[in-house]
C-alpha cells in the first residue's frame, strides 16, 4: 500500500487504536509509583522544616566601648587664685606745654614764626595685669615745622620730639566699673632740630640729642565695655635739653588713653 493512498480517516483510526492499547498500561505504571506525599519520609521532612532554626550570627565583631579620657583639670597656681589677670593696649595722646622760646635763633631770628608751646604727643601703650600690678611700655612723639619765604629765600625750621620707656602701675577698684591707678614711666627721649635756607652755612643744619626721661602720673579708668577702657591721667615729664642760650625742660602733662583688651578674675 502506497502512502499517498492513505486517507485521513485511516490515520485517525490507527491513532485511536494505539491510545486504547497504551492507556491501561500507563495507568498501571502510574499506580505502581510510590506516593511521596503520603510517605513517612514526607511527614518527617515537614516536621523538620517547621522547627525553628537557630539564628545565624552575621556580626563581624562587637564594638568595644571607648571611654573618653577625662580632661585634665588646669589648676590655678595658689599665688594666682583670686587675682585679676589680663592685658590692655591702645592709642594715647598727651598734652604738654613747653617753652619754645629757646629755639628763637632757628625761627624768629630767621624771619619765621615761633614753634608752638602747645605740644601734642601721639603714641601708644600696652600693659599686662596680674592682680593690682600692671607692667608694660609706652611711647609717643610730636613734630612741628615752620616754613616761610624771606627775601626770595625759602627757609624752614623743624623740631621732632619723642620719648618712651617701661611703665609700672598699681590699680585699685573704686566702683564696679571705675578704678584708680598710679604709676610711672622710666626711659628716654630725643630732640632733633633741623633748618634749611640760604642764610645758613651750607644752607642746611641738623642736630639731635637724647636725654633721660621720667614720667610719674596718676589716673582714673572707666570700664566702658568688657573689652574697652577709657583712661585719663595727669603727671609730670622730667627731662632737660640744653641749647645755646637756654634750656628746654619738661612740665605737667595730661594724657587720654583708649585701651582694648580683656581681664578675668581667677578662681
Protein backbone atom coordinates (compact mmCIF):
# COMPACT_ATOMS: atom_id res chain seq x y z
CA UNK A 1 0.00 0.00 0.00
CA UNK A 2 1.31 3.27 -1.01
CA UNK A 3 1.30 6.24 1.49
CA UNK A 4 -0.35 8.63 -0.90
CA UNK A 5 -3.48 6.45 -0.87
CA UNK A 6 -3.73 6.59 2.97
CA UNK A 7 -6.54 8.94 3.93
CA UNK A 8 -7.11 10.99 6.99
CA UNK A 9 -9.70 8.59 8.24
CA UNK A 10 -7.29 5.69 8.26
CA UNK A 11 -4.68 7.69 10.23
CA UNK A 12 -7.21 8.71 12.87
CA UNK A 13 -8.35 5.12 13.19
CA UNK A 14 -4.81 3.89 13.81
CA UNK A 15 -4.10 6.59 16.40
CA UNK A 16 -7.29 5.81 18.36
CA UNK A 17 -6.47 2.14 18.43
CA UNK A 18 -2.98 2.80 19.79
CA UNK A 19 -4.30 5.04 22.56
CA UNK A 20 -6.76 2.38 23.67
CA UNK A 21 -3.98 -0.17 23.87
CA UNK A 22 -1.40 2.01 25.71
CA UNK A 23 -3.69 3.82 28.22
CA UNK A 24 -4.30 0.86 30.55
CA UNK A 25 -0.57 0.22 30.78
CA UNK A 26 0.23 3.86 31.67
CA UNK A 27 -2.38 3.85 34.41
CA UNK A 28 -0.92 0.65 35.83
CA UNK A 29 2.61 2.15 35.89
CA UNK A 30 1.28 5.30 37.50
CA UNK A 31 -0.43 3.34 40.23
CA UNK A 32 2.75 1.39 40.98
CA UNK A 33 4.81 4.64 41.57
CA UNK A 34 5.32 5.40 45.29
CA UNK A 35 3.31 8.40 46.62
CA UNK A 36 5.96 10.52 48.40
CA UNK A 37 3.45 12.94 49.86
CA UNK A 38 1.79 10.11 51.80
CA UNK A 39 5.03 8.50 52.93
CA UNK A 40 6.61 8.65 56.39
CA UNK A 41 9.67 10.47 54.96
CA UNK A 42 7.48 13.28 53.73
CA UNK A 43 5.82 13.70 57.13
CA UNK A 44 9.23 13.67 58.85
CA UNK A 45 10.62 16.31 56.48
CA UNK A 46 7.58 18.53 57.19
CA UNK A 47 8.25 18.32 60.93
CA UNK A 48 11.92 19.15 60.47
CA UNK A 49 11.08 22.09 58.18
CA UNK A 50 8.67 23.52 60.73
CA UNK A 51 11.22 23.54 63.53
CA UNK A 52 12.72 26.95 64.46
CA UNK A 53 16.23 27.23 63.15
CA UNK A 54 18.92 28.66 65.35
CA UNK A 55 19.68 32.30 64.47
CA UNK A 56 22.68 32.89 62.29
CA UNK A 57 25.19 35.36 63.80
CA UNK A 58 26.34 37.59 60.97
CA UNK A 59 28.03 40.19 63.15
CA UNK A 60 31.55 40.98 62.07
CA UNK A 61 32.65 41.81 65.56
CA UNK A 62 31.38 43.55 68.61
CA UNK A 63 32.42 47.19 69.01
CA UNK A 64 34.33 47.82 72.12
CA UNK A 65 33.08 50.68 74.20
CA UNK A 66 35.54 53.54 74.18
CA UNK A 67 35.68 55.55 77.29
CA UNK A 68 36.77 59.15 76.73
CA UNK A 69 39.77 60.13 78.75
CA UNK A 70 38.82 62.61 81.42
CA UNK A 71 40.01 66.13 80.61
CA UNK A 72 42.90 67.27 82.66
CA UNK A 73 41.96 69.93 85.11
CA UNK A 74 44.02 73.06 84.79
CA UNK A 75 44.67 74.04 88.33
CA UNK A 76 45.29 77.68 89.06
CA UNK A 77 48.52 78.21 90.98
CA UNK A 78 47.87 79.16 94.57
CA UNK A 79 49.62 82.51 94.18
CA UNK A 80 47.23 83.45 91.33
CA UNK A 81 43.94 82.37 92.92
CA UNK A 82 41.58 85.28 93.43
CA UNK A 83 43.74 87.63 91.35
CA UNK A 84 42.69 89.52 88.23
CA UNK A 85 44.81 88.82 85.14
CA UNK A 86 44.63 90.22 81.62
CA UNK A 87 46.12 92.69 79.18
CA UNK A 88 45.33 96.09 77.66
CA UNK A 89 46.69 98.22 74.86
CA UNK A 90 45.77 101.09 72.56
CA UNK A 91 46.44 104.66 71.42
CA UNK A 92 47.35 107.54 73.72
CA UNK A 93 47.55 111.33 73.44
CA UNK A 94 49.41 113.73 75.74
CA UNK A 95 49.12 117.47 76.02
CA UNK A 96 52.43 119.02 77.12
CA UNK A 97 53.22 122.72 77.43
CA UNK A 98 56.85 123.54 76.60
CA UNK A 99 58.66 126.88 76.49
CA UNK A 100 59.87 127.01 72.90
CA UNK A 101 61.49 130.43 73.20
CA UNK A 102 64.87 128.74 73.47
CA UNK A 103 64.57 127.94 69.75
CA UNK A 104 64.09 131.54 68.58
CA UNK A 105 67.51 131.53 66.85
CA UNK A 106 66.01 128.92 64.47
CA UNK A 107 62.66 130.65 63.99
CA UNK A 108 62.10 134.32 64.89
CA UNK A 109 65.69 135.41 64.27
CA UNK A 110 65.43 133.99 60.74
CA UNK A 111 62.10 135.63 59.98
CA UNK A 112 59.99 132.56 60.73
CA UNK A 113 57.11 132.13 63.16
CA UNK A 114 57.94 130.61 66.56
CA UNK A 115 57.26 126.98 67.40
CA UNK A 116 54.01 126.43 69.28
CA UNK A 117 54.32 125.98 73.02
CA UNK A 118 51.36 123.58 72.96
CA UNK A 119 52.72 120.14 72.17
CA UNK A 120 50.53 117.15 71.33
CA UNK A 121 52.32 113.86 71.80
CA UNK A 122 50.59 111.00 69.99
CA UNK A 123 51.57 107.41 70.68
CA UNK A 124 50.50 104.10 72.16
CA UNK A 125 50.93 101.75 75.10
CA UNK A 126 50.40 98.19 76.24
CA UNK A 127 50.28 96.53 79.67
CA UNK A 128 49.74 93.13 81.22
CA UNK A 129 47.96 92.84 84.55
CA UNK A 130 48.45 90.41 87.43
CA UNK A 131 46.44 91.36 90.49
CA UNK A 132 46.78 95.09 91.09
CA UNK A 133 50.06 95.33 89.15
CA UNK A 134 50.23 96.44 85.50
CA UNK A 135 53.53 96.22 83.64
CA UNK A 136 54.24 97.28 80.07
CA UNK A 137 55.56 100.06 77.87
CA UNK A 138 54.65 103.39 76.33
CA UNK A 139 55.88 105.61 73.50
CA UNK A 140 54.91 108.96 71.94
CA UNK A 141 56.13 111.75 69.71
CA UNK A 142 55.40 115.10 68.05
CA UNK A 143 56.78 117.18 65.20
CA UNK A 144 56.50 120.88 64.32
CA UNK A 145 57.68 122.79 61.29
CA UNK A 146 57.75 126.47 60.32
CA UNK A 147 58.28 127.50 56.71
CA UNK A 148 58.45 130.91 55.09
CA UNK A 149 59.94 132.74 52.13
CA UNK A 150 62.13 135.63 53.25
CA UNK A 151 63.67 137.94 50.59
CA UNK A 152 63.19 135.23 47.99
CA UNK A 153 64.82 132.60 50.18
CA UNK A 154 62.82 129.51 51.18
CA UNK A 155 63.53 128.96 54.88
CA UNK A 156 62.42 126.17 57.14
CA UNK A 157 62.85 125.01 60.78
CA UNK A 158 61.71 121.69 62.28
CA UNK A 159 61.67 120.16 65.77
CA UNK A 160 60.97 116.47 66.44
CA UNK A 161 60.32 115.34 70.00
CA UNK A 162 59.98 111.67 71.00
CA UNK A 163 60.01 109.64 74.20
CA UNK A 164 59.20 106.23 75.63
CA UNK A 165 60.05 103.59 78.19
CA UNK A 166 58.81 100.91 80.53
CA UNK A 167 55.86 101.53 82.81
CA UNK A 168 54.76 100.14 86.15
CA UNK A 169 51.28 100.83 87.54
CA UNK A 170 49.13 99.82 90.51
CA UNK A 171 45.35 99.70 90.02
CA UNK A 172 42.53 99.51 92.54
CA UNK A 173 38.77 99.31 92.02
CA UNK A 174 36.80 102.32 93.24
CA UNK A 175 33.45 101.11 91.86
CA UNK A 176 32.49 98.02 89.80
CA UNK A 177 33.30 99.88 86.55
CA UNK A 178 35.58 102.63 87.84
CA UNK A 179 39.11 102.35 89.17
CA UNK A 180 42.05 104.45 90.25
CA UNK A 181 45.68 103.83 89.40
CA UNK A 182 49.10 105.35 89.75
CA UNK A 183 52.35 104.63 88.01
CA UNK A 184 55.49 105.86 86.35
CA UNK A 185 57.40 105.55 83.12
CA UNK A 186 61.18 105.37 83.07
CA UNK A 187 63.03 105.62 79.79
CA UNK A 188 64.50 108.15 77.43
CA UNK A 189 63.70 110.77 74.86
CA UNK A 190 65.24 112.64 71.98
CA UNK A 191 65.01 116.02 70.28
CA UNK A 192 66.02 116.59 66.69
CA UNK A 193 66.39 120.08 65.27
CA UNK A 194 66.85 120.87 61.61
CA UNK A 195 66.87 124.00 59.43
CA UNK A 196 67.47 124.97 55.85
CA UNK A 197 67.88 128.22 53.94
CA UNK A 198 70.43 130.40 52.17
CA UNK A 199 71.10 132.22 55.45
CA UNK A 200 72.75 129.10 56.89
CA UNK A 201 76.28 127.94 56.21
CA UNK A 202 75.88 125.13 53.70
CA UNK A 203 72.16 126.02 53.55
CA UNK A 204 71.35 123.15 55.93
CA UNK A 205 71.77 122.47 59.64
CA UNK A 206 70.82 119.41 61.73
CA UNK A 207 71.32 118.40 65.37
CA UNK A 208 69.89 115.72 67.65
CA UNK A 209 70.36 114.75 71.27
CA UNK A 210 68.98 112.12 73.66
CA UNK A 211 68.11 112.51 77.32
CA UNK A 212 66.79 110.61 80.32
CA UNK A 213 63.02 110.80 80.84
CA UNK A 214 60.98 110.12 83.99
CA UNK A 215 57.23 110.42 83.94
CA UNK A 216 55.17 109.75 87.13
CA UNK A 217 51.38 110.04 86.91
CA UNK A 218 48.03 109.09 88.42
CA UNK A 219 44.74 108.44 86.73
CA UNK A 220 41.17 107.24 86.51
CA UNK A 221 39.98 104.24 84.49
CA UNK A 222 36.40 103.67 83.30
CA UNK A 223 35.36 100.23 82.02
CA UNK A 224 33.14 101.28 79.11
CA UNK A 225 32.75 97.70 77.80
CA UNK A 226 34.20 94.36 78.89
CA UNK A 227 36.87 94.77 76.17
CA UNK A 228 37.30 98.57 76.20
CA UNK A 229 38.55 101.16 78.71
CA UNK A 230 38.83 104.91 78.73
CA UNK A 231 41.55 106.33 80.98
CA UNK A 232 42.70 109.82 81.86
CA UNK A 233 45.92 110.71 83.69
CA UNK A 234 47.88 113.69 84.84
CA UNK A 235 51.59 113.66 85.56
CA UNK A 236 54.92 115.39 85.08
CA UNK A 237 57.62 114.74 82.50
CA UNK A 238 61.11 115.30 83.84
CA UNK A 239 63.82 115.97 81.25
CA UNK A 240 66.39 118.63 80.37
CA UNK A 241 67.70 119.65 76.97
CA UNK A 242 70.41 122.30 76.83
CA UNK A 243 70.71 124.59 73.78
CA UNK A 244 72.78 127.69 73.09
CA UNK A 245 71.38 130.48 75.25
CA UNK A 246 68.89 128.39 77.19
CA UNK A 247 67.46 125.06 78.29
CA UNK A 248 64.27 123.14 77.43
CA UNK A 249 62.66 121.46 80.43
CA UNK A 250 59.70 119.15 80.82
CA UNK A 251 56.46 120.03 82.53
CA UNK A 252 52.97 118.96 83.50
CA UNK A 253 51.13 116.73 81.05
CA UNK A 254 47.61 115.35 80.72
CA UNK A 255 47.01 112.09 78.90
CA UNK A 256 43.98 110.31 77.44
CA UNK A 257 44.04 106.57 76.67
CA UNK A 258 41.65 104.33 74.74
CA UNK A 259 42.57 100.77 75.65
CA UNK A 260 41.31 97.43 74.35
CA UNK A 261 41.80 94.04 75.95
CA UNK A 262 40.36 91.61 78.45
CA UNK A 263 40.84 90.52 82.01
CA UNK A 264 39.36 87.86 84.30
CA UNK A 265 39.44 87.02 87.97
CA UNK A 266 40.93 83.57 88.54
CA UNK A 267 39.28 81.09 90.89
